[in-house]
Structure formats: structure tokens, C-alpha cells
Amino acid sequence: ADAFGSALAPVACEARIVERDGGLELGLLARYTSRPPTVELYTDTIDLAERVVDARGWRDWYPPGSVRAAALAHEAVHVHLHHGPAKAALKRALG
């Protein structure tokens, strides 16, 4: 599975993107739901993560917007694996 994931090319998010609060209560930065294909980005959690990056002095490693970009990229792979041809390949890789 690690080799499978490492070999995946970056994919654009083709799902609808919705930004909302409520992630802190759920413990989520983002969430993908398949019907309809939607990525929810939780702005309160993303904002907190950005503040932690600043407070810890990690800004050189994580430029502004990188938390949101990473969350969106992660969820875009869920879209790709749920709806694309990679779904069957992932199942084979997992055994």
C-alpha cells in the first residue's frame, strides 16, 4: 500500500469544495463525502493549524496556505480513489 500511494501522481480536486466551521468539534481539517462528491474544508481547524505553525516558528517549512492545500490534496486523492480507475488498483495493492 505504501508503494501504491508513493506512486500516485498529484491529482486536481474535481469534487465540489465547501468551506465551513465545525472542524474543531469533529477533530477534522477536511472531509470527503461521495454523494455528491464534496470536499468539506473546516476553516476553524485550518486557521488553528496555521496559528500553531506561526507559534512554533515553522513558517519556513509551511508557507501560508499550505495547511489548506495539504488538506485539499489529501481529500482530492480520496475523490480519485473512490471514483477513478485507481480504485481497483488500490484494492489489488491492499490484497
PDB file of N, CA and C in Angstrom:
ATOM      1  N   ALA A   1       0.823  -1.195   0.000  1.00  0.00           N
ATOM      2  CA  ALA A   1       0.000   0.000   0.000  1.00  0.00           C
ATOM      3  C   ALA A   1       0.869   1.262   0.000  1.00  0.00           C
ATOM      4  N   ASP A   2       1.990   1.228   0.741  1.00  0.00           N
ATOM      5  CA  ASP A   2       2.884   2.392   0.758  1.00  0.00           C
ATOM      6  C   ASP A   2       3.443   2.669  -0.629  1.00  0.00           C
ATOM      7  N   ALA A   3       3.862   1.611  -1.314  1.00  0.00           N
ATOM      8  CA  ALA A   3       4.398   1.780  -2.669  1.00  0.00           C
ATOM      9  C   ALA A   3       3.326   2.305  -3.608  1.00  0.00           C
ATOM     10  N   PHE A   4       2.108   1.803  -3.449  1.00  0.00           N
ATOM     11  CA  PHE A   4       0.995   2.264  -4.277  1.00  0.00           C
ATOM     12  C   PHE A   4       0.783   3.763  -4.075  1.00  0.00           C
ATOM     13  N   GLY A   5       0.696   4.190  -2.822  1.00  0.00           N
ATOM     14  CA  GLY A   5       0.476   5.601  -2.530  1.00  0.00           C
ATOM     15  C   GLY A   5       1.610   6.485  -3.006  1.00  0.00           C
ATOM     16  N   SER A   6       2.841   6.008  -2.847  1.00  0.00           N
ATOM     17  CA  SER A   6       4.000   6.788  -3.286  1.00  0.00           C
ATOM     18  C   SER A   6       4.032   6.978  -4.794  1.00  0.00           C
ATOM     19  N   ALA A   7       3.458   6.025  -5.519  1.00  0.00           N
ATOM     20  CA  ALA A   7       3.474   6.085  -6.984  1.00  0.00           C
ATOM     21  C   ALA A   7       2.351   6.939  -7.566  1.00  0.00           C
ATOM     22  N   LEU A   8       1.400   7.345  -6.730  1.00  0.00           N
ATOM     23  CA  LEU A   8       0.286   8.156  -7.239  1.00  0.00           C
ATOM     24  C   LEU A   8       0.770   9.535  -7.678  1.00  0.00           C
ATOM     25  N   ALA A   9       0.332   9.947  -8.835  1.00  0.00           N
ATOM     26  CA  ALA A   9       0.626  11.303  -9.307  1.00  0.00           C
ATOM     27  C   ALA A   9      -0.326  12.283  -8.622  1.00  0.00           C
ATOM     28  N   PRO A  10       0.098  13.531  -8.441  1.00  0.00           N
ATOM     29  CA  PRO A  10      -0.822  14.528  -7.894  1.00  0.00           C
ATOM     30  C   PRO A  10      -2.066  14.641  -8.775  1.00  0.00           C
ATOM     31  N   VAL A  11      -3.206  14.836  -8.139  1.00  0.00           N
ATOM     32  CA  VAL A  11      -4.458  14.969  -8.879  1.00  0.00           C
ATOM     33  C   VAL A  11      -5.157  16.253  -8.456  1.00  0.00           C
ATOM     34  N   ALA A  12      -5.857  16.850  -9.394  1.00  0.00           N
ATOM     35  CA  ALA A  12      -6.671  18.024  -9.081  1.00  0.00           C
ATOM     36  C   ALA A  12      -7.962  17.559  -8.420  1.00  0.00           C
ATOM     37  N   CYS A  13      -8.487  18.375  -7.552  1.00  0.00           N
ATOM     38  CA  CYS A  13      -9.747  18.036  -6.895  1.00  0.00           C
ATOM     39  C   CYS A  13     -10.897  18.379  -7.830  1.00  0.00           C
ATOM     40  N   GLU A  14     -11.654  17.360  -8.198  1.00  0.00           N
ATOM     41  CA  GLU A  14     -12.785  17.556  -9.099  1.00  0.00           C
ATOM     42  C   GLU A  14     -14.114  17.602  -8.354  1.00  0.00           C
ATOM     43  N   ALA A  15     -14.079  17.415  -7.050  1.00  0.00           N
ATOM     44  CA  ALA A  15     -15.297  17.474  -6.247  1.00  0.00           C
ATOM     45  C   ALA A  15     -15.645  18.929  -5.941  1.00  0.00           C
ATOM     46  N   ARG A  16     -16.878  19.140  -5.562  1.00  0.00           N
ATOM     47  CA  ARG A  16     -17.311  20.452  -5.085  1.00  0.00           C
ATOM     48  C   ARG A  16     -16.594  20.715  -3.764  1.00  0.00           C
ATOM     49  N   ILE A  17     -16.145  21.941  -3.555  1.00  0.00           N
ATOM     50  CA  ILE A  17     -15.435  22.313  -2.332  1.00  0.00           C
ATOM     51  C   ILE A  17     -16.312  23.260  -1.529  1.00  0.00           C
ATOM     52  N   VAL A  18     -16.513  22.910  -0.261  1.00  0.00           N
ATOM     53  CA  VAL A  18     -17.323  23.718   0.647  1.00  0.00           C
ATOM     54  C   VAL A  18     -16.460  24.059   1.854  1.00  0.00           C
ATOM     55  N   GLU A  19     -16.421  25.324   2.225  1.00  0.00           N
ATOM     56  CA  GLU A  19     -15.693  25.744   3.421  1.00  0.00           C
ATOM     57  C   GLU A  19     -16.695  26.042   4.516  1.00  0.00           C
ATOM     58  N   ARG A  20     -16.399  25.524   5.727  1.00  0.00           N
ATOM     59  CA  ARG A  20     -17.308  25.744   6.858  1.00  0.00           C
ATOM     60  C   ARG A  20     -16.548  25.615   8.164  1.00  0.00           C
ATOM     61  N   ASP A  21     -17.180  26.063   9.240  1.00  0.00           N
ATOM     62  CA  ASP A  21     -16.666  25.863  10.592  1.00  0.00           C
ATOM     63  C   ASP A  21     -17.149  24.506  11.098  1.00  0.00           C
ATOM     64  N   GLY A  22     -16.712  24.138  12.282  1.00  0.00           N
ATOM     65  CA  GLY A  22     -17.169  22.905  12.908  1.00  0.00           C
ATOM     66  C   GLY A  22     -16.130  21.809  12.949  1.00  0.00           C
ATOM     67  N   GLY A  23     -14.991  22.034  12.353  1.00  0.00           N
ATOM     68  CA  GLY A  23     -13.955  21.012  12.332  1.00  0.00           C
ATOM     69  C   GLY A  23     -13.315  20.765  13.686  1.00  0.00           C
ATOM     70  N   LEU A  24     -13.213  21.810  14.509  1.00  0.00           N
ATOM     71  CA  LEU A  24     -12.609  21.623  15.827  1.00  0.00           C
ATOM     72  C   LEU A  24     -13.412  20.630  16.654  1.00  0.00           C
ATOM     73  N   GLU A  25     -14.738  20.749  16.611  1.00  0.00           N
ATOM     74  CA  GLU A  25     -15.583  19.818  17.370  1.00  0.00           C
ATOM     75  C   GLU A  25     -15.459  18.396  16.831  1.00  0.00           C
ATOM     76  N   LEU A  26     -15.271  18.267  15.520  1.00  0.00           N
ATOM     77  CA  LEU A  26     -15.183  16.952  14.884  1.00  0.00           C
ATOM     78  C   LEU A  26     -13.758  16.393  14.854  1.00  0.00           C
ATOM     79  N   GLY A  27     -12.778  17.256  15.121  1.00  0.00           N
ATOM     80  CA  GLY A  27     -11.383  16.835  15.032  1.00  0.00           C
ATOM     81  C   GLY A  27     -10.927  16.630  13.598  1.00  0.00           C
ATOM     82  N   LEU A  28     -11.447  17.456  12.681  1.00  0.00           N
ATOM     83  CA  LEU A  28     -11.161  17.294  11.256  1.00  0.00           C
ATOM     84  C   LEU A  28     -10.631  18.581  10.638  1.00  0.00           C
ATOM     85  N   LEU A  29      -9.670  18.439   9.726  1.00  0.00           N
ATOM     86  CA  LEU A  29      -9.265  19.543   8.852  1.00  0.00           C
ATOM     87  C   LEU A  29     -10.165  19.585   7.627  1.00  0.00           C
ATOM     88  N   ALA A  30     -10.507  18.391   7.141  1.00  0.00           N
ATOM     89  CA  ALA A  30     -11.306  18.274   5.920  1.00  0.00           C
ATOM     90  C   ALA A  30     -11.986  16.912   5.922  1.00  0.00           C
ATOM     91  N   ARG A  31     -12.993  16.797   5.050  1.00  0.00           N
ATOM     92  CA  ARG A  31     -13.709  15.524   4.927  1.00  0.00           C
ATOM     93  C   ARG A  31     -14.242  15.401   3.512  1.00  0.00           C
ATOM     94  N   TYR A  32     -14.184  14.178   2.983  1.00  0.00           N
ATOM     95  CA  TYR A  32     -14.733  13.883   1.662  1.00  0.00           C
ATOM     96  C   TYR A  32     -15.993  13.058   1.824  1.00  0.00           C
ATOM     97  N   THR A  33     -17.041  13.466   1.142  1.00  0.00           N
ATOM     98  CA  THR A  33     -18.255  12.663   1.043  1.00  0.00           C
ATOM     99  C   THR A  33     -18.506  12.403  -0.434  1.00  0.00           C
ATOM    100  N   SER A  34     -19.003  11.199  -0.734  1.00  0.00           N
ATOM    101  CA  SER A  34     -19.067  10.780  -2.135  1.00  0.00           C
ATOM    102  C   SER A  34     -20.374  11.111  -2.843  1.00  0.00           C
ATOM    103  N   ARG A  35     -21.440  11.398  -2.120  1.00  0.00           N
ATOM    104  CA  ARG A  35     -22.734  11.635  -2.777  1.00  0.00           C
ATOM    105  C   ARG A  35     -23.363  12.915  -2.277  1.00  0.00           C
ATOM    106  N   PRO A  36     -23.281  13.951  -3.030  1.00  0.00           N
ATOM    107  CA  PRO A  36     -22.471  14.149  -4.232  1.00  0.00           C
ATOM    108  C   PRO A  36     -21.007  14.333  -3.839  1.00  0.00           C
ATOM    109  N   PRO A  37     -20.083  14.112  -4.770  1.00  0.00           N
ATOM    110  CA  PRO A  37     -18.664  14.270  -4.438  1.00  0.00           C
ATOM    111  C   PRO A  37     -18.373  15.682  -3.919  1.00  0.00           C
ATOM    112  N   THR A  38     -18.045  15.762  -2.634  1.00  0.00           N
ATOM    113  CA  THR A  38     -17.853  17.049  -1.973  1.00  0.00           C
ATOM    114  C   THR A  38     -16.679  16.961  -1.006  1.00  0.00           C
ATOM    115  N   VAL A  39     -15.854  17.969  -1.010  1.00  0.00           N
ATOM    116  CA  VAL A  39     -14.805  18.113  -0.008  1.00  0.00           C
ATOM    117  C   VAL A  39     -15.211  19.266   0.894  1.00  0.00           C
ATOM    118  N   GLU A  40     -15.308  18.968   2.178  1.00  0.00           N
ATOM    119  CA  GLU A  40     -15.582  19.998   3.174  1.00  0.00           C
ATOM    120  C   GLU A  40     -14.249  20.390   3.805  1.00  0.00           C
ATOM    121  N   LEU A  41     -13.909  21.655   3.731  1.00  0.00           N
ATOM    122  CA  LEU A  41     -12.717  22.188   4.389  1.00  0.00           C
ATOM    123  C   LEU A  41     -13.180  22.938   5.631  1.00  0.00           C
ATOM    124  N   TYR A  42     -12.661  22.555   6.782  1.00  0.00           N
ATOM    125  CA  TYR A  42     -13.075  23.166   8.045  1.00  0.00           C
ATOM    126  C   TYR A  42     -12.141  24.326   8.373  1.00  0.00           C
ATOM    127  N   THR A  43     -12.635  25.521   8.137  1.00  0.00           N
ATOM    128  CA  THR A  43     -11.802  26.715   8.242  1.00  0.00           C
ATOM    129  C   THR A  43     -11.333  26.987   9.666  1.00  0.00           C
ATOM    130  N   ASP A  44     -12.135  26.622  10.672  1.00  0.00           N
ATOM    131  CA  ASP A  44     -11.696  26.867  12.045  1.00  0.00           C
ATOM    132  C   ASP A  44     -10.479  26.011  12.394  1.00  0.00           C
ATOM    133  N   THR A  45     -10.464  24.770  11.959  1.00  0.00           N
ATOM    134  CA  THR A  45      -9.331  23.889  12.234  1.00  0.00           C
ATOM    135  C   THR A  45      -8.111  24.304  11.415  1.00  0.00           C
ATOM    136  N   ILE A  46      -8.342  24.664  10.173  1.00  0.00           N
ATOM    137  CA  ILE A  46      -7.233  25.115   9.322  1.00  0.00           C
ATOM    138  C   ILE A  46      -6.617  26.387   9.896  1.00  0.00           C
ATOM    139  N   ASP A  47      -7.457  27.325  10.352  1.00  0.00           N
ATOM    140  CA  ASP A  47      -6.944  28.557  10.966  1.00  0.00           C
ATOM    141  C   ASP A  47      -6.118  28.250  12.217  1.00  0.00           C
ATOM    142  N   LEU A  48      -6.596  27.315  13.050  1.00  0.00           N
ATOM    143  CA  LEU A  48      -5.844  26.937  14.245  1.00  0.00           C
ATOM    144  C   LEU A  48      -4.497  26.324  13.858  1.00  0.00           C
ATOM    145  N   ALA A  49      -4.497  25.452  12.877  1.00  0.00           N
ATOM    146  CA  ALA A  49      -3.240  24.837  12.430  1.00  0.00           C
ATOM    147  C   ALA A  49      -2.260  25.901  11.931  1.00  0.00           C
ATOM    148  N   GLU A  50      -2.757  26.896  11.208  1.00  0.00           N
ATOM    149  CA  GLU A  50      -1.886  27.984  10.735  1.00  0.00           C
ATOM    150  C   GLU A  50      -1.319  28.770  11.916  1.00  0.00           C
ATOM    151  N   ARG A  51      -2.122  28.977  12.956  1.00  0.00           N
ATOM    152  CA  ARG A  51      -1.634  29.687  14.147  1.00  0.00           C
ATOM    153  C   ARG A  51      -0.568  28.861  14.881  1.00  0.00           C
ATOM    154  N   VAL A  52      -0.753  27.554  14.927  1.00  0.00           N
ATOM    155  CA  VAL A  52       0.248  26.678  15.550  1.00  0.00           C
ATOM    156  C   VAL A  52       1.563  26.746  14.771  1.00  0.00           C
ATOM    157  N   VAL A  53       1.473  26.741  13.452  1.00  0.00           N
ATOM    158  CA  VAL A  53       2.677  26.866  12.615  1.00  0.00           C
ATOM    159  C   VAL A  53       3.425  28.147  12.985  1.00  0.00           C
ATOM    160  N   ASP A  54       2.697  29.261  13.110  1.00  0.00           N
ATOM    161  CA  ASP A  54       3.330  30.531  13.490  1.00  0.00           C
ATOM    162  C   ASP A  54       3.909  30.466  14.900  1.00  0.00           C
ATOM    163  N   ALA A  55       3.131  29.934  15.848  1.00  0.00           N
ATOM    164  CA  ALA A  55       3.560  29.894  17.246  1.00  0.00           C
ATOM    165  C   ALA A  55       4.806  29.032  17.435  1.00  0.00           C
ATOM    166  N   ARG A  56       4.939  27.995  16.656  1.00  0.00           N
ATOM    167  CA  ARG A  56       6.083  27.085  16.775  1.00  0.00           C
ATOM    168  C   ARG A  56       7.277  27.516  15.925  1.00  0.00           C
ATOM    169  N   GLY A  57       7.095  28.564  15.123  1.00  0.00           N
ATOM    170  CA  GLY A  57       8.190  29.032  14.279  1.00  0.00           C
ATOM    171  C   GLY A  57       8.456  28.135  13.083  1.00  0.00           C
ATOM    172  N   TRP A  58       7.425  27.483  12.596  1.00  0.00           N
ATOM    173  CA  TRP A  58       7.552  26.536  11.483  1.00  0.00           C
ATOM    174  C   TRP A  58       7.214  27.144  10.127  1.00  0.00           C
ATOM    175  N   ARG A  59       7.043  28.445  10.070  1.00  0.00           N
ATOM    176  CA  ARG A  59       6.565  29.077   8.835  1.00  0.00           C
ATOM    177  C   ARG A  59       7.503  28.829   7.654  1.00  0.00           C
ATOM    178  N   ASP A  60       8.806  28.712   7.906  1.00  0.00           N
ATOM    179  CA  ASP A  60       9.727  28.416   6.798  1.00  0.00           C
ATOM    180  C   ASP A  60       9.423  27.061   6.166  1.00  0.00           C
ATOM    181  N   TRP A  61       8.930  26.124   6.959  1.00  0.00           N
ATOM    182  CA  TRP A  61       8.590  24.792   6.448  1.00  0.00           C
ATOM    183  C   TRP A  61       7.194  24.751   5.844  1.00  0.00           C
ATOM    184  N   TYR A  62       6.300  25.549   6.405  1.00  0.00           N
ATOM    185  CA  TYR A  62       4.895  25.528   5.983  1.00  0.00           C
ATOM    186  C   TYR A  62       4.453  26.939   5.614  1.00  0.00           C
ATOM    187  N   PRO A  63       4.579  27.321   4.347  1.00  0.00           N
ATOM    188  CA  PRO A  63       4.180  28.665   3.929  1.00  0.00           C
ATOM    189  C   PRO A  63       2.687  28.897   4.164  1.00  0.00           C
ATOM    190  N   PRO A  64       2.274  30.164   4.240  1.00  0.00           N
ATOM    191  CA  PRO A  64       0.849  30.446   4.409  1.00  0.00           C
ATOM    192  C   PRO A  64       0.020  29.721   3.343  1.00  0.00           C
ATOM    193  N   GLY A  65      -1.052  29.103   3.793  1.00  0.00           N
ATOM    194  CA  GLY A  65      -1.942  28.386   2.882  1.00  0.00           C
ATOM    195  C   GLY A  65      -1.589  26.926   2.685  1.00  0.00           C
ATOM    196  N   SER A  66      -0.439  26.499   3.213  1.00  0.00           N
ATOM    197  CA  SER A  66      -0.021  25.113   2.968  1.00  0.00           C
ATOM    198  C   SER A  66      -0.876  24.098   3.719  1.00  0.00           C
ATOM    199  N   VAL A  67      -1.420  24.464   4.871  1.00  0.00           N
ATOM    200  CA  VAL A  67      -2.292  23.531   5.599  1.00  0.00           C
ATOM    201  C   VAL A  67      -3.549  23.267   4.781  1.00  0.00           C
ATOM    202  N   ARG A  68      -4.154  24.324   4.271  1.00  0.00           N
ATOM    203  CA  ARG A  68      -5.348  24.168   3.433  1.00  0.00           C
ATOM    204  C   ARG A  68      -5.021  23.363   2.177  1.00  0.00           C
ATOM    205  N   ALA A  69      -3.901  23.689   1.551  1.00  0.00           N
ATOM    206  CA  ALA A  69      -3.505  22.988   0.325  1.00  0.00           C
ATOM    207  C   ALA A  69      -3.274  21.501   0.591  1.00  0.00           C
ATOM    208  N   ALA A  70      -2.630  21.172   1.713  1.00  0.00           N
ATOM    209  CA  ALA A  70      -2.381  19.766   2.040  1.00  0.00           C
ATOM    210  C   ALA A  70      -3.685  19.029   2.326  1.00  0.00           C
ATOM    211  N   ALA A  71      -4.594  19.675   3.055  1.00  0.00           N
ATOM    212  CA  ALA A  71      -5.890  19.045   3.339  1.00  0.00           C
ATOM    213  C   ALA A  71      -6.662  18.801   2.048  1.00  0.00           C
ATOM    214  N   LEU A  72      -6.656  19.777   1.165  1.00  0.00           N
ATOM    215  CA  LEU A  72      -7.365  19.635  -0.110  1.00  0.00           C
ATOM    216  C   LEU A  72      -6.723  18.545  -0.973  1.00  0.00           C
ATOM    217  N   ALA A  73      -5.400  18.497  -1.004  1.00  0.00           N
ATOM    218  CA  ALA A  73      -4.709  17.459  -1.781  1.00  0.00           C
ATOM    219  C   ALA A  73      -5.031  16.070  -1.243  1.00  0.00           C
ATOM    220  N   HIS A  74      -5.066  15.932   0.071  1.00  0.00           N
ATOM    221  CA  HIS A  74      -5.396  14.647   0.693  1.00  0.00           C
ATOM    222  C   HIS A  74      -6.800  14.201   0.295  1.00  0.00           C
ATOM    223  N   GLU A  75      -7.744  15.117   0.383  1.00  0.00           N
ATOM    224  CA  GLU A  75      -9.129  14.767   0.039  1.00  0.00           C
ATOM    225  C   GLU A  75      -9.285  14.535  -1.461  1.00  0.00           C
ATOM    226  N   ALA A  76      -8.505  15.225  -2.284  1.00  0.00           N
ATOM    227  CA  ALA A  76      -8.567  15.010  -3.736  1.00  0.00           C
ATOM    228  C   ALA A  76      -8.182  13.576  -4.087  1.00  0.00           C
ATOM    229  N   VAL A  77      -7.252  13.008  -3.332  1.00  0.00           N
ATOM    230  CA  VAL A  77      -6.883  11.611  -3.569  1.00  0.00           C
ATOM    231  C   VAL A  77      -8.042  10.690  -3.209  1.00  0.00           C
ATOM    232  N   HIS A  78      -8.789  11.025  -2.153  1.00  0.00           N
ATOM    233  CA  HIS A  78      -9.991  10.236  -1.846  1.00  0.00           C
ATOM    234  C   HIS A  78     -10.954  10.258  -3.026  1.00  0.00           C
ATOM    235  N   VAL A  79     -11.160  11.424  -3.617  1.00  0.00           N
ATOM    236  CA  VAL A  79     -12.038  11.538  -4.792  1.00  0.00           C
ATOM    237  C   VAL A  79     -11.516  10.623  -5.893  1.00  0.00           C
ATOM    238  N   HIS A  80     -10.230  10.713  -6.166  1.00  0.00           N
ATOM    239  CA  HIS A  80      -9.596   9.937  -7.234  1.00  0.00           C
ATOM    240  C   HIS A  80      -9.736   8.436  -6.986  1.00  0.00           C
ATOM    241  N   LEU A  81      -9.505   8.014  -5.745  1.00  0.00           N
ATOM    242  CA  LEU A  81      -9.563   6.584  -5.435  1.00  0.00           C
ATOM    243  C   LEU A  81     -10.991   6.064  -5.357  1.00  0.00           C
ATOM    244  N   HIS A  82     -11.924   6.932  -5.051  1.00  0.00           N
ATOM    245  CA  HIS A  82     -13.319   6.499  -4.931  1.00  0.00           C
ATOM    246  C   HIS A  82     -13.988   6.381  -6.286  1.00  0.00           C
ATOM    247  N   HIS A  83     -13.626   7.269  -7.210  1.00  0.00           N
ATOM    248  CA  HIS A  83     -14.331   7.340  -8.492  1.00  0.00           C
ATOM    249  C   HIS A  83     -13.478   6.955  -9.697  1.00  0.00           C
ATOM    250  N   GLY A  84     -12.179   6.904  -9.554  1.00  0.00           N
ATOM    251  CA  GLY A  84     -11.321   6.694 -10.718  1.00  0.00           C
ATOM    252  C   GLY A  84     -10.848   5.258 -10.875  1.00  0.00           C
ATOM    253  N   PRO A  85     -10.082   5.020 -11.923  1.00  0.00           N
ATOM    254  CA  PRO A  85      -9.572   3.675 -12.192  1.00  0.00           C
ATOM    255  C   PRO A  85      -8.582   3.189 -11.131  1.00  0.00           C
ATOM    256  N   ALA A  86      -8.052   4.091 -10.345  1.00  0.00           N
ATOM    257  CA  ALA A  86      -7.107   3.694  -9.298  1.00  0.00           C
ATOM    258  C   ALA A  86      -7.792   2.917  -8.175  1.00  0.00           C
ATOM    259  N   LYS A  87      -9.112   2.968  -8.120  1.00  0.00           N
ATOM    260  CA  LYS A  87      -9.856   2.264  -7.072  1.00  0.00           C
ATOM    261  C   LYS A  87      -9.551   0.766  -7.105  1.00  0.00           C
ATOM    262  N   ALA A  88      -9.627   0.156  -8.270  1.00  0.00           N
ATOM    263  CA  ALA A  88      -9.356  -1.284  -8.401  1.00  0.00           C
ATOM    264  C   ALA A  88      -7.888  -1.589  -8.112  1.00  0.00           C
ATOM    265  N   ALA A  89      -6.998  -0.710  -8.549  1.00  0.00           N
ATOM    266  CA  ALA A  89      -5.572  -0.919  -8.307  1.00  0.00           C
ATOM    267  C   ALA A  89      -5.263  -0.863  -6.809  1.00  0.00           C
ATOM    268  N   LEU A  90      -5.919   0.040  -6.085  1.00  0.00           N
ATOM    269  CA  LEU A  90      -5.725   0.117  -4.638  1.00  0.00           C
ATOM    270  C   LEU A  90      -6.197  -1.173  -3.971  1.00  0.00           C
ATOM    271  N   LYS A  91      -7.345  -1.667  -4.372  1.00  0.00           N
ATOM    272  CA  LYS A  91      -7.851  -2.919  -3.793  1.00  0.00           C
ATOM    273  C   LYS A  91      -6.868  -4.064  -4.027  1.00  0.00           C
ATOM    274  N   ARG A  92      -6.292  -4.116  -5.216  1.00  0.00           N
ATOM    275  CA  ARG A  92      -5.299  -5.159  -5.507  1.00  0.00           C
ATOM    276  C   ARG A  92      -4.058  -4.986  -4.622  1.00  0.00           C
ATOM    277  N   ALA A  93      -3.621  -3.743  -4.449  1.00  0.00           N
ATOM    278  CA  ALA A  93      -2.429  -3.477  -3.642  1.00  0.00           C
ATOM    279  C   ALA A  93      -2.646  -3.855  -2.178  1.00  0.00           C
ATOM    280  N   LEU A  94      -3.872  -3.679  -1.702  1.00  0.00           N
ATOM    281  CA  LEU A  94      -4.177  -3.995  -0.308  1.00  0.00           C
ATOM    282  C   LEU A  94      -4.391  -5.487  -0.083  1.00  0.00           C
ATOM    283  N   GLY A  95      -4.612  -6.220  -1.183  1.00  0.00           N
ATOM    284  CA  GLY A  95      -4.802  -7.670  -1.079  1.00  0.00           C
ATOM    285  C   GLY A  95      -6.201  -7.979  -0.812  1.00  0.00           C
TER     286      GLY A  95
END
